[in-house]
Amino acid sequence: MKTIHRMEDIPKFKSQVEEARFWDTHQLAPELWAEGQRGDPGLDKALEGLVSVKVVSPRTKGKPRTTKRAG
């Protein structure tokens, strides 16, 4: 499997099939993978040290959802 070390080495694909064939024989280098994992620096700083996040979609109809607290 060929390792991609520069984003410039990833071609522009004409179809999903062409892209799938490319990635069947190529992989990103660890440093490129890590670079792609970085997001917005402000958000990264705000989330620093956070262990987990639960994302709940807002309800659009009906009463707001409530939760009962144990205890």
Protein backbone atom coordinates (compact mmCIF):
# COMPACT_ATOMS: atom_id res chain seq x y z
CA MET A 1 0.00 0.00 0.00
CA LYS A 2 1.38 3.41 -0.95
CA THR A 3 1.54 6.07 1.80
CA ILE A 4 0.54 9.65 1.00
CA HIS A 5 2.76 12.23 2.75
CA ARG A 6 1.46 15.41 1.08
CA MET A 7 -2.11 16.58 0.47
CA GLU A 8 -0.99 17.64 -3.02
CA ASP A 9 -0.51 13.95 -3.86
CA ILE A 10 -4.23 13.24 -3.50
CA PRO A 11 -5.85 13.61 -6.91
CA LYS A 12 -9.22 15.19 -7.63
CA PHE A 13 -11.59 12.31 -8.24
CA LYS A 14 -14.17 12.19 -11.02
CA SER A 15 -16.37 9.69 -9.17
CA GLN A 16 -16.79 7.87 -5.88
CA VAL A 17 -15.74 4.65 -7.61
CA GLU A 18 -12.46 6.25 -8.71
CA GLU A 19 -11.90 7.57 -5.17
CA ALA A 20 -12.63 4.16 -3.63
CA ARG A 21 -10.16 2.46 -5.98
CA PHE A 22 -7.49 5.00 -5.05
CA TRP A 23 -7.97 4.51 -1.29
CA ASP A 24 -7.94 0.72 -1.72
CA THR A 25 -4.25 1.05 -2.58
CA HIS A 26 -3.23 4.20 -0.67
CA GLN A 27 -3.19 5.42 2.92
CA LEU A 28 -2.45 8.69 4.70
CA ALA A 29 0.83 9.05 6.57
CA PRO A 30 0.34 9.41 10.35
CA GLU A 31 1.38 13.07 10.27
CA LEU A 32 -1.23 13.86 7.59
CA TRP A 33 -3.89 11.92 9.46
CA ALA A 34 -3.14 13.89 12.64
CA GLU A 35 -3.26 17.15 10.70
CA GLY A 36 -6.68 16.26 9.36
CA GLN A 37 -7.93 15.52 12.85
CA ARG A 38 -7.28 19.06 14.06
CA GLY A 39 -10.24 21.36 14.04
CA ASP A 40 -10.94 24.94 15.02
CA PRO A 41 -8.19 26.09 17.43
CA GLY A 42 -10.68 27.98 19.62
CA LEU A 43 -12.96 24.97 19.91
CA ASP A 44 -9.99 22.67 20.50
CA LYS A 45 -8.91 24.88 23.42
CA ALA A 46 -12.44 24.97 24.84
CA LEU A 47 -12.70 21.18 24.67
CA GLU A 48 -9.21 20.55 26.07
CA GLY A 49 -9.36 18.02 28.88
CA LEU A 50 -12.94 17.03 28.11
CA VAL A 51 -13.40 13.28 28.26
CA SER A 52 -16.67 12.86 26.36
CA VAL A 53 -19.48 14.81 24.77
CA LYS A 54 -23.08 13.74 24.24
CA VAL A 55 -24.77 15.40 21.30
CA VAL A 56 -28.56 15.43 21.35
CA SER A 57 -30.55 16.82 18.45
CA PRO A 58 -33.12 19.42 19.44
CA ARG A 59 -36.76 18.43 19.42
CA THR A 60 -38.77 20.37 16.91
CA LYS A 61 -42.29 19.36 17.94
CA GLY A 62 -44.05 18.81 21.21
CA LYS A 63 -42.97 19.53 24.76
CA PRO A 64 -39.34 19.98 25.69
CA ARG A 65 -37.68 16.82 26.88
CA THR A 66 -37.06 16.58 30.62
CA THR A 67 -34.97 14.18 32.61
CA LYS A 68 -35.52 12.91 36.12
CA ARG A 69 -32.64 13.16 38.51
CA ALA A 70 -31.88 10.23 40.75
CA GLY A 71 -31.78 10.89 44.46
